[in-house]
């Protein structure tokens, strides 16, 4: 695929998707909401918002975008995360867009002030490297192995009065 087509795929898919999955170093990717503006994705990170631990310590992250139509993975691209400086022109523009897209803000119209004080807005700038795209996806499922847990399946179901058991229903169907 030509570079211009890949860039258009990244932009169109990311713009249309409500969520993106951001992978940082060896951590499993995390789903985050975002807005696309001026050639990059913007996310709000920190207290009371989404967490992306370690984003401030890496030079690149992977961004996976799902298909709006089918919901499956469509494209994975590499981005350079950069913190947006509060109160600059970029901050003003992007925070207005993020604020409009944030569902159910706990502090309503005071949200941008909270972001300035307690959060960081990051721009995820595409590097031009697209690692997965239609026609070039990994062969395996890419499913993560379940985490170890002390949880177990429950035992027998309790006795219930007035409800037919599976054996009784089977007898009734067979006429016996």
Protein backbone atom coordinates (compact mmCIF):
# COMPACT_ATOMS: atom_id res chain seq x y z
CA UNK A 1 0.00 0.00 0.00
CA UNK A 2 1.28 3.48 -0.77
CA UNK A 3 2.21 5.81 2.09
CA UNK A 4 -0.54 8.30 1.23
CA UNK A 5 -3.13 5.51 1.33
CA UNK A 6 -1.81 4.23 4.68
CA UNK A 7 -1.89 7.72 6.14
CA UNK A 8 -5.47 8.13 4.95
CA UNK A 9 -6.42 4.73 6.43
CA UNK A 10 -4.91 5.66 9.80
CA UNK A 11 -6.66 9.03 9.87
CA UNK A 12 -10.06 7.83 8.68
CA UNK A 13 -10.17 4.76 10.93
CA UNK A 14 -8.97 6.65 14.00
CA UNK A 15 -11.28 9.60 13.40
CA UNK A 16 -14.35 7.33 13.14
CA UNK A 17 -13.53 5.03 16.04
CA UNK A 18 -14.77 5.97 19.50
CA UNK A 19 -12.03 3.91 21.18
CA UNK A 20 -8.44 3.14 20.40
CA UNK A 21 -6.16 0.64 22.13
CA UNK A 22 -2.82 2.07 23.20
CA UNK A 23 0.05 -0.34 23.87
CA UNK A 24 2.94 0.91 25.97
CA UNK A 25 6.13 -1.17 26.09
CA UNK A 26 5.29 -4.75 27.15
CA UNK A 27 1.97 -3.90 28.82
CA UNK A 28 -1.26 -5.16 27.31
CA UNK A 29 -2.99 -2.45 25.25
CA UNK A 30 -5.57 -0.31 27.07
CA UNK A 31 -8.77 1.01 25.54
CA UNK A 32 -9.02 4.81 25.70
CA UNK A 33 -11.38 7.39 24.25
CA UNK A 34 -9.84 10.11 22.14
CA UNK A 35 -10.42 12.81 19.56
CA UNK A 36 -8.61 13.15 16.25
CA UNK A 37 -7.47 16.64 15.32
CA UNK A 38 -4.91 18.07 12.93
CA UNK A 39 -3.27 14.75 12.08
CA UNK A 40 -3.05 13.23 15.56
CA UNK A 41 -5.08 11.53 18.29
CA UNK A 42 -5.47 13.31 21.64
CA UNK A 43 -6.15 11.54 24.94
CA UNK A 44 -6.64 12.76 28.52
CA UNK A 45 -4.67 10.79 31.09
CA UNK A 46 -4.56 10.88 34.87
CA UNK A 47 -6.68 11.20 37.99
CA UNK A 48 -10.39 10.71 37.36
CA UNK A 49 -9.77 9.90 33.69
CA UNK A 50 -8.19 7.02 31.79
CA UNK A 51 -4.85 5.62 32.89
CA UNK A 52 -1.92 4.95 30.58
CA UNK A 53 0.89 4.07 32.99
CA UNK A 54 4.34 4.65 31.54
CA UNK A 55 3.30 6.85 28.62
CA UNK A 56 5.53 9.62 29.94
CA UNK A 57 8.58 7.32 29.84
CA UNK A 58 8.43 5.95 26.28
CA UNK A 59 9.30 7.36 22.88
CA UNK A 60 6.69 5.40 20.92
CA UNK A 61 3.41 3.57 21.54
CA UNK A 62 1.28 1.33 19.36
CA UNK A 63 -2.27 2.37 18.52
CA UNK A 64 -4.77 -0.24 17.40
CA UNK A 65 -8.00 0.91 15.80
CA UNK A 66 -11.11 -1.17 15.23
CA UNK A 67 -13.37 -1.11 12.22
CA UNK A 68 -16.46 1.02 12.77
CA UNK A 69 -18.52 -1.40 10.65
CA UNK A 70 -17.40 -4.83 11.86
CA UNK A 71 -15.78 -4.01 15.22
CA UNK A 72 -12.64 -6.06 14.46
CA UNK A 73 -9.07 -4.81 14.40
CA UNK A 74 -8.53 -2.69 11.28
CA UNK A 75 -5.14 -1.01 11.60
CA UNK A 76 -2.25 -0.75 14.07
CA UNK A 77 0.10 2.20 13.84
CA UNK A 78 3.02 3.58 15.80
CA UNK A 79 2.82 6.98 17.47
CA UNK A 80 5.06 9.38 19.37
CA UNK A 81 3.32 10.57 22.56
CA UNK A 82 3.80 14.25 23.41
CA UNK A 83 2.29 16.12 26.34
CA UNK A 84 0.34 19.20 25.29
CA UNK A 85 1.41 22.38 27.10
CA UNK A 86 -1.51 23.79 29.11
CA UNK A 87 -2.97 27.14 28.06
CA UNK A 88 -1.30 27.27 24.65
CA UNK A 89 -3.23 27.53 21.39
CA UNK A 90 -3.09 23.77 20.85
CA UNK A 91 -4.33 23.17 24.43
CA UNK A 92 -7.28 25.53 24.00
CA UNK A 93 -8.37 23.95 20.72
CA UNK A 94 -7.94 20.34 21.77
CA UNK A 95 -9.43 20.65 25.26
CA UNK A 96 -12.58 22.17 23.76
CA UNK A 97 -12.88 19.16 21.44
CA UNK A 98 -12.13 16.66 24.21
CA UNK A 99 -14.57 18.35 26.57
CA UNK A 100 -17.34 18.13 23.96
CA UNK A 101 -16.68 14.41 23.46
CA UNK A 102 -16.34 13.42 27.15
CA UNK A 103 -19.46 11.56 28.23
CA UNK A 104 -20.91 12.31 31.67
CA UNK A 105 -18.15 14.50 33.11
CA UNK A 106 -18.32 14.39 36.92
CA UNK A 107 -17.70 18.12 37.22
CA UNK A 108 -19.59 19.39 34.17
CA UNK A 109 -18.28 22.64 32.75
CA UNK A 110 -15.44 22.73 35.30
CA UNK A 111 -13.83 19.72 33.63
CA UNK A 112 -11.18 21.66 31.60
CA UNK A 113 -9.99 23.35 34.82
CA UNK A 114 -9.60 19.92 36.47
CA UNK A 115 -7.68 18.64 33.46
CA UNK A 116 -5.31 21.61 33.67
CA UNK A 117 -4.62 20.95 37.36
CA UNK A 118 -4.67 17.15 37.66
CA UNK A 119 -4.36 15.55 34.22
CA UNK A 120 -2.17 15.49 31.15
CA UNK A 121 -3.40 15.72 27.57
CA UNK A 122 -1.23 13.74 25.16
CA UNK A 123 -1.00 14.01 21.40
CA UNK A 124 -0.32 10.68 19.72
CA UNK A 125 1.51 11.73 16.58
CA UNK A 126 1.62 9.06 13.82
CA UNK A 127 5.19 8.13 12.87
CA UNK A 128 4.16 6.72 9.48
CA UNK A 129 4.86 3.13 10.56
CA UNK A 130 1.79 0.91 10.09
CA UNK A 131 2.37 -2.57 11.50
CA UNK A 132 -1.05 -4.11 10.78
CA UNK A 133 -3.53 -3.27 8.03
CA UNK A 134 -6.03 -5.06 5.80
CA UNK A 135 -4.18 -7.77 3.89
CA UNK A 136 -1.31 -7.72 6.40
CA UNK A 137 -2.64 -9.05 9.71
CA UNK A 138 -1.00 -11.63 11.98
CA UNK A 139 -2.11 -15.23 11.45
CA UNK A 140 -2.71 -16.03 15.14
CA UNK A 141 -5.65 -14.89 17.25
CA UNK A 142 -3.61 -12.35 19.27
CA UNK A 143 -5.80 -13.19 22.27
CA UNK A 144 -4.13 -12.69 25.63
CA UNK A 145 -3.90 -15.67 27.97
CA UNK A 146 -6.25 -15.45 30.96
CA UNK A 147 -4.67 -14.11 34.12
CA UNK A 148 -4.14 -16.43 37.10
CA UNK A 149 -6.99 -16.17 39.60
CA UNK A 150 -8.13 -17.93 42.77
CA UNK A 151 -11.72 -17.88 41.46
CA UNK A 152 -13.34 -21.22 40.73
CA UNK A 153 -16.53 -22.41 39.13
CA UNK A 154 -19.46 -22.82 41.45
CA UNK A 155 -20.62 -26.20 42.65
CA UNK A 156 -24.07 -27.75 42.40
CA UNK A 157 -27.03 -25.46 42.05
CA UNK A 158 -29.27 -25.24 45.10
CA UNK A 159 -32.60 -27.10 45.26
CA UNK A 160 -35.43 -24.98 43.88
CA UNK A 161 -39.09 -25.71 44.67
CA UNK A 162 -41.47 -25.54 41.73
CA UNK A 163 -38.86 -25.68 39.02
CA UNK A 164 -38.48 -28.76 36.86
CA UNK A 165 -35.01 -30.27 36.79
CA UNK A 166 -33.28 -31.20 33.58
CA UNK A 167 -33.96 -34.94 34.08
CA UNK A 168 -37.63 -34.39 34.77
CA UNK A 169 -38.05 -32.27 31.64
CA UNK A 170 -36.24 -34.90 29.56
CA UNK A 171 -38.66 -37.61 30.87
CA UNK A 172 -41.66 -35.42 30.12
CA UNK A 173 -40.48 -34.91 26.53
CA UNK A 174 -39.84 -38.62 25.98
CA UNK A 175 -43.27 -39.53 27.33
CA UNK A 176 -41.91 -41.50 30.29
